[in-house]
Protein backbone atom coordinates (compact mmCIF):
# COMPACT_ATOMS: atom_id res chain seq x y z
CA MET A 1 -33.21 -63.41 27.01
CA THR A 2 -34.79 -63.39 30.47
CA ALA A 3 -33.70 -65.59 33.34
CA PRO A 4 -35.86 -68.61 34.14
CA HIS A 5 -38.09 -68.43 37.19
CA ASN A 6 -38.27 -71.60 39.26
CA PHE A 7 -41.19 -70.79 41.57
CA PHE A 8 -43.74 -73.14 40.01
CA ALA A 9 -41.19 -75.91 39.48
CA LEU A 10 -40.48 -75.80 43.21
CA ILE A 11 -44.19 -75.63 44.09
CA SER A 12 -44.68 -78.85 42.11
CA ARG A 13 -42.21 -80.53 44.47
CA MET A 14 -44.63 -80.23 47.38
CA ARG A 15 -45.59 -83.80 46.51
CA TYR A 16 -42.20 -85.01 47.76
CA ILE A 17 -42.55 -83.60 51.29
CA GLY A 18 -44.19 -86.18 53.54
CA ARG A 19 -46.38 -85.44 56.55
CA TRP A 20 -46.78 -87.29 59.84
CA GLY A 21 -43.11 -88.32 59.75
CA LEU A 22 -43.03 -89.65 63.31
CA MET A 23 -46.17 -91.76 62.89
CA ARG A 24 -46.68 -95.17 61.32
CA ASN A 25 -49.04 -94.40 58.44
CA THR A 26 -51.36 -96.81 56.64
CA PHE A 27 -51.18 -94.45 53.67
CA GLN A 28 -48.67 -91.67 53.16
CA GLU A 29 -49.78 -88.06 52.81
CA ASN A 30 -47.64 -85.33 51.26
CA ILE A 31 -48.01 -81.57 51.64
CA GLN A 32 -49.42 -81.19 48.12
CA GLU A 33 -52.30 -83.56 48.89
CA HIS A 34 -52.72 -81.99 52.29
CA SER A 35 -52.77 -78.46 50.87
CA HIS A 36 -55.47 -79.44 48.39
CA MET A 37 -57.66 -80.80 51.19
CA VAL A 38 -57.01 -77.74 53.36
CA ALA A 39 -58.03 -75.56 50.39
CA VAL A 40 -61.27 -77.53 49.97
CA LEU A 41 -61.98 -77.20 53.70
CA ALA A 42 -61.03 -73.50 53.93
CA HIS A 43 -63.29 -72.77 50.97
CA ALA A 44 -66.11 -74.71 52.66
CA LEU A 45 -65.62 -72.91 55.99
CA ALA A 46 -65.70 -69.53 54.24
CA VAL A 47 -68.87 -70.50 52.35
CA ILE A 48 -70.47 -71.66 55.61
CA ARG A 49 -69.47 -68.40 57.28
CA ARG A 50 -70.90 -66.38 54.39
CA ASP A 51 -74.07 -68.35 53.61
CA ILE A 52 -75.04 -69.72 57.03
CA PHE A 53 -73.67 -67.11 59.45
CA GLY A 54 -73.77 -63.94 57.31
CA GLY A 55 -70.01 -63.34 57.23
CA ASP A 56 -68.12 -61.75 54.37
CA LEU A 57 -64.94 -63.71 53.77
CA ASP A 58 -64.14 -64.55 50.16
CA PRO A 59 -64.10 -68.37 49.76
CA GLY A 60 -61.78 -68.12 46.75
CA HIS A 61 -59.20 -66.15 48.69
CA ALA A 62 -59.46 -68.60 51.60
CA ALA A 63 -58.84 -71.50 49.20
CA ALA A 64 -55.86 -69.76 47.59
CA LEU A 65 -54.28 -69.05 50.99
CA ALA A 66 -54.75 -72.69 51.94
CA LEU A 67 -53.14 -73.94 48.72
CA TYR A 68 -49.95 -72.10 49.65
CA HIS A 69 -50.07 -72.39 53.45
CA ASP A 70 -47.36 -75.08 53.58
CA ALA A 71 -45.36 -73.97 50.52
CA PRO A 72 -42.38 -72.80 52.63
CA GLU A 73 -41.96 -76.45 53.70
CA ILE A 74 -40.62 -77.15 50.21
CA LEU A 75 -37.39 -75.58 51.45
CA THR A 76 -37.66 -76.41 55.17
CA GLY A 77 -39.30 -79.83 55.21
CA ASP A 78 -42.23 -80.67 57.48
CA LEU A 79 -41.28 -80.27 61.12
CA PRO A 80 -43.34 -82.66 63.28
CA THR A 81 -45.95 -80.89 65.42
CA PRO A 82 -44.53 -82.09 68.78
CA VAL A 83 -41.20 -80.51 67.85
CA LYS A 84 -42.65 -77.35 66.26
CA TYR A 85 -44.76 -76.55 69.32
CA TYR A 86 -42.41 -77.89 72.00
CA ASN A 87 -41.84 -74.41 73.43
CA PRO A 88 -42.38 -70.77 72.38
CA GLU A 89 -38.74 -70.27 71.41
CA ILE A 90 -38.77 -73.17 68.95
CA ARG A 91 -42.12 -72.07 67.53
CA GLU A 92 -40.89 -68.50 67.01
CA ALA A 93 -37.60 -69.66 65.47
CA TYR A 94 -39.50 -71.94 63.10
CA ARG A 95 -41.80 -69.03 62.12
CA GLU A 96 -38.70 -67.06 61.19
CA VAL A 97 -37.37 -69.98 59.13
CA GLU A 98 -40.74 -70.24 57.35
CA THR A 99 -40.65 -66.50 56.60
CA VAL A 100 -37.15 -66.76 55.12
CA SER A 101 -38.32 -69.72 53.03
CA ALA A 102 -41.42 -67.83 51.84
CA ARG A 103 -39.28 -64.83 50.85
CA ARG A 104 -36.91 -67.14 48.98
CA LEU A 105 -39.85 -68.61 47.05
CA LEU A 106 -41.12 -65.11 46.23
CA SER A 107 -37.68 -64.19 44.87
CA MET A 108 -38.14 -66.95 42.28
CA LEU A 109 -41.02 -65.10 40.64
CA PRO A 110 -40.77 -62.22 38.17
CA GLU A 111 -40.97 -58.99 40.11
CA ALA A 112 -44.29 -58.07 38.47
CA LEU A 113 -45.95 -61.23 39.91
CA ARG A 114 -44.60 -61.00 43.46
CA PRO A 115 -47.35 -58.67 44.77
CA ALA A 116 -49.98 -61.27 43.83
CA TYR A 117 -48.21 -64.10 45.67
CA GLU A 118 -46.78 -62.23 48.66
CA PRO A 119 -50.06 -62.20 50.63
CA LEU A 120 -50.46 -65.94 49.94
CA LEU A 121 -46.99 -66.84 51.18
CA LEU A 122 -46.62 -64.18 53.89
CA GLU A 123 -50.17 -64.02 55.19
CA ASP A 124 -51.01 -61.87 58.18
CA PRO A 125 -51.18 -64.19 61.23
CA GLU A 126 -53.75 -61.86 62.80
CA SER A 127 -56.18 -61.98 59.87
CA GLU A 128 -59.53 -63.78 59.87
CA TYR A 129 -58.35 -65.68 56.81
CA HIS A 130 -55.32 -67.00 58.67
CA THR A 131 -57.57 -68.17 61.51
CA LEU A 132 -59.90 -69.87 59.03
CA VAL A 133 -57.03 -71.62 57.20
CA LYS A 134 -55.59 -72.80 60.54
CA ALA A 135 -59.01 -74.28 61.38
CA ALA A 136 -59.13 -75.98 57.96
CA ASP A 137 -55.60 -77.29 58.57
CA LYS A 138 -56.72 -78.76 61.89
CA LEU A 139 -59.81 -80.29 60.24
CA SER A 140 -57.58 -81.88 57.60
CA ALA A 141 -55.37 -83.34 60.32
CA TYR A 142 -58.39 -84.74 62.13
CA ILE A 143 -59.76 -86.26 58.92
CA LYS A 144 -56.39 -87.96 58.37
CA CYS A 145 -56.64 -89.38 61.91
CA VAL A 146 -60.19 -90.63 61.28
CA GLU A 147 -59.12 -92.29 58.04
CA GLU A 148 -56.15 -93.98 59.73
CA LEU A 149 -58.32 -95.17 62.62
CA LYS A 150 -60.83 -96.61 60.12
CA THR A 151 -58.07 -98.91 58.86
CA GLY A 152 -57.34 -100.07 62.42
CA ASN A 153 -54.18 -97.97 62.81
CA THR A 154 -54.33 -97.06 66.52
CA GLU A 155 -51.13 -95.02 66.15
CA PHE A 156 -53.44 -92.06 65.44
CA ARG A 157 -55.76 -92.49 68.45
CA GLN A 158 -54.17 -89.86 70.70
CA ALA A 159 -53.68 -87.39 67.84
CA ALA A 160 -57.35 -87.85 66.92
CA GLU A 161 -58.49 -87.17 70.50
CA GLN A 162 -56.32 -84.06 70.89
CA THR A 163 -57.25 -82.68 67.49
CA ARG A 164 -60.97 -83.32 68.02
CA ARG A 165 -60.84 -81.47 71.35
CA ALA A 166 -59.09 -78.52 69.70
CA LEU A 167 -61.75 -78.41 66.98
CA GLU A 168 -64.57 -78.61 69.52
CA ASP A 169 -62.95 -75.72 71.42
CA SER A 170 -62.77 -73.57 68.28
CA PRO A 171 -64.62 -70.27 68.62
CA LEU A 172 -65.52 -70.36 64.91
CA PRO A 173 -69.20 -71.25 64.39
CA GLU A 174 -68.42 -72.58 60.92
CA VAL A 175 -66.13 -75.21 62.47
CA ALA A 176 -68.92 -76.41 64.78
CA TYR A 177 -71.29 -76.45 61.80
CA PHE A 178 -68.82 -78.54 59.76
CA LEU A 179 -68.27 -80.95 62.66
CA GLU A 180 -72.02 -81.49 63.02
CA HIS A 181 -73.07 -81.62 59.39
CA PHE A 182 -70.11 -82.90 57.37
CA LEU A 183 -67.58 -84.66 59.56
CA PRO A 184 -69.66 -87.81 60.23
CA GLY A 185 -69.40 -88.73 56.55
CA PHE A 186 -65.66 -89.29 56.87
CA SER A 187 -66.29 -92.31 59.10
CA LEU A 188 -68.51 -94.02 56.53
CA THR A 189 -67.60 -96.63 53.96
CA LEU A 190 -67.95 -95.91 50.24
CA ASP A 191 -71.21 -97.88 50.11
CA GLU A 192 -72.59 -95.93 53.09
CA LEU A 193 -71.68 -92.62 51.46
CA GLN A 194 -73.82 -93.41 48.43
């Protein structure tokens, strides 16, 4: 009899890890919901790059990377951004913790499956895909801010301003395209969307 592998059981627990822990939220967001939205956005950015700007990234691979981009947080929890980026030493130490967590998750898969998941959990931080997923992650954060501000929650005002500036400063043309063509819809009501 083979030993059980707990990888997917742990992945399913992403729904228990909350985001925006230091902020008063009108609605809670967990890393499973967030990862789904980042996957949708990463896929969209890759499609925009391919179909509008003539790039060659695979949208499916971008989406898969995004689905797993926060998986190590199952074991580490979500460290608030102001803490994570407080200084280079903390950021580097947290990267190491995330790598240990990713390797631990990989060890929970049968050895034959590990090569398929390793690039998703231990992605190359210098790759174009990583850059695209980081942009999608930032877009997701900004959309969360917009949605909170729509409800009158001013707690997200400064985060929205900082995140919007970072998106506008992005060198990726697909981010600018998304901001111009798709982002305005997130400020609309349901009736206005239809």
